[in-house]
Amino acid sequence: MSDHLHLSIQPDVSFRPNYFTVVLKITDPKMMGKKAEFKLDLASDVHDSRAVNDAKNLYVHNFTVDRTEYQLKIPTDSFDCFTYKGTHASIVLRANLKVDDAWILKDSEVSRTAQLRLVDTRTGGGGDASAEIDPFDNVKFSKNFHALTRKRKIGFISFSVICLILLLGGSFMLAELFWDEKGMALFYVAIYGVAFCILWVWFKNKQFKSYLNVALLPTPIITQNTRLQISRIISGKSQVDLENMTLRVVACNMEKGQYVRGSGTNRRTVSFQEPVRPIILYSERAGHIPARQEIGDHFPEEVDFGPMFKALYPPMEISETHGLAVYWEVQLLHDEFIDHELKGPTDSIKVTDFFIK
């Protein structure tokens, strides 16, 4: 950073300013007549020691230096964005001034970041977001197995037997192949075993979920005034009688970003989506739902989507992998049967309603 370049952004704390002023100062006489560039980016700031950040450009001003001070008055409605301080990632305005004054070395430049409060600080949405969005699933194996149709029972048993035979046979072959290197043999047998366990668990969950055939219905535009009955959101029936099933509609923000793990040939970029600011929009328990009856008919109360617009921040996409998203889902939770989660469409949410206080 050059001592002859100064950059400031005002205001950095005012709520919903109509514009903000950028002050540029260039005090080195040798920079007169040089080409300069001012850029304003909306940038991600992943909270990790090995963060992979991203940014998108909002504003560029190219000029030739002919005085020592510039004031750029930039209206906030010239771009649709806001800044955000999050748990796993934040969104900031990053301003950068660069003067093309170098012959061999790097050009002189200076950068600043700022928060621009175009959205008020949201209240509510506390608690453990991961636990609300992905609650622990209590599953009784025998109950779920007996709920399967005869055909599915035969298929599940056959698949389990095949997995066991392949697991034992493959483990024996790997042990024989690497007999002289017991450490390598144990490593490959463990990897092989874990792969088969993951496959079996995936198949088991897929089969056990078949007791309930449920899906989302086409959703209308969701505004802060939207109230919908459950029967207008989901449609489905159970193959067995259900006792004490809880239906919830939950929403949250998703902080998105990337970070690096490993090193050398094992170096990899990991993408994440972490839920934050959870809010329960609807929760009701049905004492008894007979088999082959519409699930939605047993949850008569309406879902009020209004609190979602007050508790959550609007979606703000920096790129496909970075930014802030809005997420909501319908959860059908049971103490014995495997749970169902139905992800709600976000393209039907009226984003402008997040800005209405």
Protein backbone atom coordinates (compact mmCIF):
# COMPACT_ATOMS: atom_id res chain seq x y z
CA MET A 1 0.00 0.00 0.00
CA SER A 2 1.34 3.42 -0.94
CA ASP A 3 1.58 6.15 1.71
CA HIS A 4 0.47 8.61 -0.96
CA LEU A 5 -2.95 6.98 -1.51
CA HIS A 6 -5.85 7.39 0.89
CA LEU A 7 -9.35 5.99 0.61
CA SER A 8 -12.43 6.37 2.82
CA ILE A 9 -16.09 5.38 2.53
CA GLN A 10 -18.87 7.34 4.21
CA PRO A 11 -21.29 6.54 5.72
CA ASP A 12 -20.37 3.07 6.94
CA VAL A 13 -23.02 2.67 9.67
CA SER A 14 -26.08 4.71 8.65
CA PHE A 15 -29.20 2.63 8.06
CA ARG A 16 -30.42 2.68 4.47
CA PRO A 17 -28.51 5.71 3.13
CA ASN A 18 -29.63 6.95 -0.28
CA TYR A 19 -26.01 7.27 -1.32
CA PHE A 20 -22.54 7.04 0.12
CA THR A 21 -19.44 9.10 -0.58
CA VAL A 22 -16.03 7.73 -1.46
CA VAL A 23 -13.12 10.11 -0.85
CA LEU A 24 -9.91 9.45 -2.80
CA LYS A 25 -6.69 11.31 -1.98
CA ILE A 26 -3.57 11.09 -4.15
CA THR A 27 -0.75 13.18 -2.66
CA ASP A 28 2.31 12.10 -4.68
CA PRO A 29 3.07 14.69 -7.43
CA LYS A 30 4.69 11.93 -9.51
CA MET A 31 1.28 10.28 -9.87
CA MET A 32 -0.17 13.24 -11.76
CA GLY A 33 -1.09 12.26 -15.30
CA LYS A 34 -1.09 8.54 -14.47
CA LYS A 35 -4.04 6.26 -15.18
CA ALA A 36 -6.02 5.17 -12.12
CA GLU A 37 -8.87 2.81 -11.38
CA PHE A 38 -11.37 2.74 -8.52
CA LYS A 39 -13.35 -0.48 -8.02
CA LEU A 40 -16.13 -1.36 -5.62
CA ASP A 41 -16.79 -5.07 -5.05
CA LEU A 42 -19.26 -7.04 -2.98
CA ALA A 43 -16.96 -9.61 -1.40
CA SER A 44 -17.32 -12.72 0.73
CA ASP A 45 -15.24 -13.06 3.87
CA VAL A 46 -15.19 -16.72 4.94
CA HIS A 47 -14.30 -17.13 8.61
CA ASP A 48 -11.59 -19.75 8.20
CA SER A 49 -7.80 -19.73 8.36
CA ARG A 50 -7.68 -21.21 4.86
CA ALA A 51 -10.61 -19.37 3.35
CA VAL A 52 -11.47 -19.28 -0.34
CA ASN A 53 -13.27 -15.98 -0.92
CA ASP A 54 -15.09 -14.61 -3.92
CA ALA A 55 -16.39 -11.23 -5.08
CA LYS A 56 -18.51 -9.58 -7.73
CA ASN A 57 -17.92 -6.12 -9.09
CA LEU A 58 -20.52 -3.40 -8.43
CA TYR A 59 -18.86 -0.23 -9.68
CA VAL A 60 -15.76 0.82 -11.69
CA HIS A 61 -14.42 4.32 -12.28
CA ASN A 62 -11.38 4.78 -14.53
CA PHE A 63 -9.71 8.20 -14.67
CA THR A 64 -6.47 10.06 -15.23
CA VAL A 65 -5.02 11.66 -12.10
CA ASP A 66 -5.24 15.46 -12.44
CA ARG A 67 -5.83 16.58 -8.82
CA THR A 68 -5.11 15.44 -5.29
CA GLU A 69 -8.65 14.71 -4.07
CA TYR A 70 -11.77 13.15 -5.58
CA GLN A 71 -15.23 12.66 -4.16
CA LEU A 72 -17.41 9.99 -5.77
CA LYS A 73 -21.08 10.15 -4.84
CA ILE A 74 -22.51 6.67 -5.47
CA PRO A 75 -26.29 6.15 -5.07
CA THR A 76 -27.19 2.93 -3.25
CA ASP A 77 -29.95 2.13 -5.75
CA SER A 78 -27.32 1.73 -8.47
CA PHE A 79 -26.76 -1.83 -7.20
CA ASP A 80 -28.92 -4.33 -5.35
CA CYS A 81 -26.93 -5.52 -2.36
CA PHE A 82 -26.34 -5.28 1.37
CA THR A 83 -23.57 -6.23 3.77
CA TYR A 84 -23.83 -8.90 6.42
CA LYS A 85 -21.87 -10.07 9.47
CA GLY A 86 -22.33 -13.80 9.86
CA THR A 87 -21.14 -16.79 11.86
CA HIS A 88 -19.35 -18.73 9.14
CA ALA A 89 -19.06 -16.04 6.45
CA SER A 90 -19.68 -12.31 6.06
CA ILE A 91 -20.42 -10.03 3.13
CA VAL A 92 -18.54 -6.72 2.88
CA LEU A 93 -18.07 -3.83 0.49
CA ARG A 94 -14.46 -3.76 -0.66
CA ALA A 95 -13.16 -0.57 -2.29
CA ASN A 96 -9.83 -0.54 -4.11
CA LEU A 97 -7.88 2.35 -5.64
CA LYS A 98 -4.96 1.58 -7.96
CA VAL A 99 -2.65 4.00 -9.76
CA ASP A 100 -0.64 2.77 -12.75
CA ASP A 101 2.70 4.26 -11.65
CA ALA A 102 5.02 1.25 -11.69
CA TRP A 103 7.81 0.61 -14.16
CA ILE A 104 8.88 -2.78 -12.85
CA LEU A 105 7.38 -3.30 -9.40
CA LYS A 106 3.71 -3.46 -8.40
CA ASP A 107 1.40 -0.49 -9.01
CA SER A 108 0.45 1.60 -5.99
CA GLU A 109 -2.90 0.67 -4.51
CA VAL A 110 -4.97 0.90 -1.36
CA SER A 111 -8.04 -1.10 -0.19
CA ARG A 112 -10.75 -0.57 2.39
CA THR A 113 -13.77 -2.59 3.52
CA ALA A 114 -17.01 -1.23 4.92
CA GLN A 115 -20.45 -2.29 6.11
CA LEU A 116 -23.44 -0.71 4.39
CA ARG A 117 -26.65 -1.25 6.34
CA LEU A 118 -29.34 -1.45 3.69
CA VAL A 119 -31.09 -4.10 5.80
CA ASP A 120 -31.90 -3.59 9.46
CA THR A 121 -30.41 -5.89 12.08
CA ARG A 122 -32.76 -8.84 12.30
CA THR A 123 -34.16 -10.04 15.60
CA GLY A 124 -35.05 -13.61 16.54
CA GLY A 125 -33.80 -16.68 14.78
CA GLY A 126 -31.78 -17.93 17.77
CA GLY A 127 -30.91 -21.46 18.76
CA ASP A 128 -29.02 -24.32 17.16
CA ALA A 129 -29.77 -24.03 13.44
CA SER A 130 -28.34 -27.45 12.58
CA ALA A 131 -30.55 -29.15 15.16
CA GLU A 132 -33.66 -27.35 13.86
CA ILE A 133 -32.98 -27.97 10.16
CA ASP A 134 -31.64 -31.51 10.62
CA PRO A 135 -33.17 -32.86 13.85
CA PHE A 136 -31.98 -36.15 15.30
CA ASP A 137 -33.97 -39.01 13.81
CA ASN A 138 -35.19 -41.69 16.24
CA VAL A 139 -35.76 -44.87 14.21
CA LYS A 140 -37.00 -48.25 15.42
CA PHE A 141 -35.66 -50.85 13.01
CA SER A 142 -38.35 -53.44 13.61
CA LYS A 143 -41.22 -50.95 13.18
CA ASN A 144 -39.81 -49.62 9.90
CA PHE A 145 -39.05 -53.12 8.58
CA HIS A 146 -42.56 -54.43 9.33
CA ALA A 147 -44.03 -51.38 7.58
CA LEU A 148 -42.41 -52.46 4.31
CA THR A 149 -44.47 -54.24 1.68
CA ARG A 150 -43.72 -57.95 1.15
CA LYS A 151 -41.84 -57.17 -2.07
CA ARG A 152 -39.69 -54.53 -0.38
CA LYS A 153 -38.95 -56.85 2.56
CA ILE A 154 -37.62 -59.51 0.19
CA GLY A 155 -35.59 -56.91 -1.69
CA PHE A 156 -34.14 -55.45 1.50
CA ILE A 157 -33.12 -58.86 2.89
CA SER A 158 -31.61 -59.91 -0.46
CA PHE A 159 -29.62 -56.70 -0.77
CA SER A 160 -28.37 -56.98 2.82
CA VAL A 161 -27.20 -60.58 2.27
CA ILE A 162 -25.41 -59.63 -0.95
CA CYS A 163 -23.68 -56.69 0.80
CA LEU A 164 -22.54 -58.97 3.63
CA ILE A 165 -21.15 -61.61 1.22
CA LEU A 166 -19.32 -58.99 -0.85
CA LEU A 167 -18.01 -57.29 2.29
CA LEU A 168 -16.60 -60.51 3.79
CA GLY A 169 -15.29 -61.81 0.47
CA GLY A 170 -13.70 -58.55 -0.55
CA SER A 171 -12.12 -58.04 2.87
CA PHE A 172 -10.60 -61.55 2.70
CA MET A 173 -9.19 -60.90 -0.79
CA LEU A 174 -7.66 -57.58 0.28
CA ALA A 175 -6.11 -59.20 3.36
CA GLU A 176 -4.59 -61.92 1.17
CA LEU A 177 -3.34 -59.43 -1.41
CA PHE A 178 -1.56 -57.26 1.17
CA TRP A 179 -0.63 -60.05 3.57
CA ASP A 180 3.00 -58.88 3.79
CA GLU A 181 1.94 -55.30 4.56
CA LYS A 182 -0.49 -55.61 7.44
CA GLY A 183 -0.80 -51.85 7.84
CA MET A 184 -1.87 -51.41 4.19
CA ALA A 185 -4.19 -54.42 4.44
CA LEU A 186 -6.02 -52.96 7.44
CA PHE A 187 -6.29 -49.58 5.72
CA TYR A 188 -7.85 -50.96 2.52
CA VAL A 189 -10.15 -53.34 4.41
CA ALA A 190 -11.39 -50.38 6.52
CA ILE A 191 -12.02 -48.22 3.44
CA TYR A 192 -13.80 -51.11 1.72
CA GLY A 193 -15.93 -51.77 4.80
CA VAL A 194 -16.91 -48.12 5.25
CA ALA A 195 -17.94 -47.88 1.58
CA PHE A 196 -20.26 -50.87 1.92
CA CYS A 197 -21.72 -49.57 5.18
CA ILE A 198 -22.52 -46.22 3.54
CA LEU A 199 -24.17 -48.04 0.60
CA TRP A 200 -26.24 -50.24 2.93
CA VAL A 201 -27.38 -47.32 5.11
CA TRP A 202 -28.39 -45.34 2.00
CA PHE A 203 -30.44 -48.29 0.72
CA LYS A 204 -31.98 -48.91 4.15
CA ASN A 205 -33.10 -45.27 4.52
CA LYS A 206 -34.53 -45.25 1.01
CA GLN A 207 -36.57 -48.40 1.73
CA PHE A 208 -37.68 -47.30 5.19
CA LYS A 209 -38.96 -43.98 3.85
CA SER A 210 -41.41 -45.85 1.60
CA TYR A 211 -43.99 -46.10 4.43
CA LEU A 212 -44.92 -42.51 3.60
CA ASN A 213 -45.48 -41.21 0.08
CA VAL A 214 -45.52 -37.42 0.39
CA ALA A 215 -44.56 -34.50 -1.87
CA LEU A 216 -44.79 -30.71 -2.04
CA LEU A 217 -47.60 -29.14 -4.01
CA PRO A 218 -46.95 -26.20 -6.39
CA THR A 219 -46.38 -23.19 -4.14
CA PRO A 220 -47.81 -19.71 -4.87
CA ILE A 221 -45.72 -16.56 -4.49
CA ILE A 222 -44.77 -16.28 -0.82
CA THR A 223 -44.99 -12.77 0.65
CA GLN A 224 -44.96 -11.45 4.20
CA ASN A 225 -48.77 -11.73 4.17
CA THR A 226 -48.94 -15.33 2.95
CA ARG A 227 -50.84 -17.82 5.09
CA LEU A 228 -51.30 -21.35 3.75
CA GLN A 229 -52.97 -24.46 5.09
CA ILE A 230 -50.77 -27.58 5.20
CA SER A 231 -53.12 -29.27 2.71
CA ARG A 232 -52.11 -26.59 0.18
CA ILE A 233 -48.40 -27.19 0.78
CA ILE A 234 -48.06 -31.00 0.84
CA SER A 235 -49.96 -34.03 -0.40
CA GLY A 236 -49.36 -37.61 0.69
CA LYS A 237 -50.56 -40.72 2.46
CA SER A 238 -49.03 -43.24 4.84
CA GLN A 239 -49.13 -47.00 4.25
CA VAL A 240 -49.52 -47.61 7.99
CA ASP A 241 -51.33 -45.96 10.89
CA LEU A 242 -49.24 -43.20 12.46
CA GLU A 243 -49.40 -42.18 16.10
CA ASN A 244 -48.12 -38.82 17.35
CA MET A 245 -46.58 -37.47 14.17
CA THR A 246 -45.23 -33.92 14.32
CA LEU A 247 -45.29 -31.68 11.28
CA ARG A 248 -43.08 -28.58 11.25
CA VAL A 249 -42.29 -25.85 8.75
CA VAL A 250 -38.88 -24.32 9.46
CA ALA A 251 -36.81 -21.65 7.75
CA CYS A 252 -33.28 -20.27 8.07
CA ASN A 253 -30.51 -18.42 6.28
CA MET A 254 -27.72 -20.44 4.68
CA GLU A 255 -24.20 -18.99 4.77
CA LYS A 256 -22.27 -20.26 1.74
CA GLY A 257 -18.55 -20.28 1.08
CA GLN A 258 -15.43 -22.37 0.58
CA TYR A 259 -12.22 -23.26 2.35
CA VAL A 260 -9.14 -25.37 1.65
CA ARG A 261 -8.23 -28.61 3.41
CA GLY A 262 -5.26 -30.94 3.05
CA SER A 263 -1.97 -30.24 1.32
CA GLY A 264 0.04 -31.39 -1.67
CA THR A 265 -1.80 -33.94 -3.82
CA ASN A 266 -4.47 -34.18 -1.11
CA ARG A 267 -5.26 -30.46 -1.27
CA ARG A 268 -8.95 -29.87 -1.94
CA THR A 269 -11.48 -27.05 -1.90
CA VAL A 270 -14.48 -27.73 0.34
CA SER A 271 -17.79 -25.96 -0.27
CA PHE A 272 -20.17 -25.45 2.65
CA GLN A 273 -23.72 -24.29 3.33
CA GLU A 274 -24.25 -23.68 7.03
CA PRO A 275 -27.72 -22.94 8.45
CA VAL A 276 -28.07 -19.92 10.74
CA ARG A 277 -30.92 -17.92 12.31
CA PRO A 278 -33.49 -20.76 12.42
CA ILE A 279 -37.17 -19.98 12.85
CA ILE A 280 -40.08 -22.38 13.30
CA LEU A 281 -43.04 -21.15 11.26
CA TYR A 282 -45.37 -24.02 12.15
CA SER A 283 -45.36 -26.99 14.54
CA GLU A 284 -48.28 -29.28 15.31
CA ARG A 285 -48.67 -32.89 16.46
CA ALA A 286 -51.40 -35.22 15.19
CA GLY A 287 -52.43 -37.91 17.68
CA HIS A 288 -53.62 -40.45 15.10
CA ILE A 289 -53.39 -40.53 11.29
CA PRO A 290 -55.07 -43.60 9.75
CA ALA A 291 -53.37 -45.33 6.84
CA ARG A 292 -54.20 -44.11 3.33
CA GLN A 293 -55.66 -40.80 4.49
CA GLU A 294 -54.34 -37.42 3.34
CA ILE A 295 -51.68 -36.25 5.78
CA GLY A 296 -52.48 -32.56 5.31
CA ASP A 297 -56.07 -33.01 6.43
CA HIS A 298 -54.86 -33.84 9.95
CA PHE A 299 -53.00 -30.52 10.35
CA PRO A 300 -55.75 -27.88 9.97
CA GLU A 301 -53.88 -24.78 11.16
CA GLU A 302 -52.32 -22.30 8.72
CA VAL A 303 -48.63 -21.60 8.18
CA ASP A 304 -47.88 -17.90 8.61
CA PHE A 305 -44.81 -17.02 6.50
CA GLY A 306 -44.73 -13.42 7.78
CA PRO A 307 -42.22 -14.02 10.63
CA MET A 308 -39.72 -15.40 8.12
CA PHE A 309 -39.40 -11.97 6.49
CA LYS A 310 -38.73 -10.28 9.83
CA ALA A 311 -36.24 -12.83 11.24
CA LEU A 312 -34.19 -13.74 8.16
CA TYR A 313 -31.96 -11.73 5.84
CA PRO A 314 -32.75 -11.55 2.12
CA PRO A 315 -30.81 -13.85 -0.20
CA MET A 316 -27.59 -12.30 -1.52
CA GLU A 317 -25.65 -14.24 -4.11
CA ILE A 318 -22.02 -13.37 -4.77
CA SER A 319 -21.44 -16.50 -6.87
CA GLU A 320 -22.80 -20.03 -7.07
CA THR A 321 -20.63 -21.02 -4.10
CA HIS A 322 -20.56 -17.83 -2.00
CA GLY A 323 -23.16 -15.62 -0.39
CA LEU A 324 -26.32 -15.87 1.67
CA ALA A 325 -29.42 -17.91 0.86
CA VAL A 326 -32.90 -18.37 2.28
CA TYR A 327 -33.98 -21.94 3.01
CA TRP A 328 -37.26 -23.47 4.19
CA GLU A 329 -38.59 -26.99 4.46
CA VAL A 330 -41.50 -29.11 5.67
CA GLN A 331 -40.55 -31.77 8.24
CA LEU A 332 -42.62 -34.83 9.11
CA LEU A 333 -41.14 -36.18 12.34
CA HIS A 334 -41.93 -39.46 14.10
CA ASP A 335 -40.42 -41.10 17.18
CA GLU A 336 -40.35 -44.57 15.56
CA PHE A 337 -40.44 -44.16 11.78
CA ILE A 338 -37.80 -42.47 9.69
CA ASP A 339 -38.37 -38.74 9.22
CA HIS A 340 -39.18 -36.97 5.96
CA GLU A 341 -37.90 -33.52 4.94
CA LEU A 342 -39.28 -31.66 1.92
CA LYS A 343 -37.24 -28.68 0.71
CA GLY A 344 -39.41 -25.72 -0.20
CA PRO A 345 -38.87 -23.73 -3.42
CA THR A 346 -37.06 -20.44 -2.85
CA ASP A 347 -37.77 -18.95 -6.27
CA SER A 348 -41.36 -18.34 -5.19
CA ILE A 349 -40.31 -16.08 -2.27
CA LYS A 350 -40.88 -12.34 -2.83
CA VAL A 351 -37.42 -10.99 -1.98
CA THR A 352 -38.47 -7.32 -1.76
CA ASP A 353 -40.65 -8.11 1.25
CA PHE A 354 -37.53 -8.74 3.34
CA PHE A 355 -36.81 -5.01 3.12
CA ILE A 356 -40.22 -3.96 4.49
CA LYS A 357 -40.10 -3.24 8.23
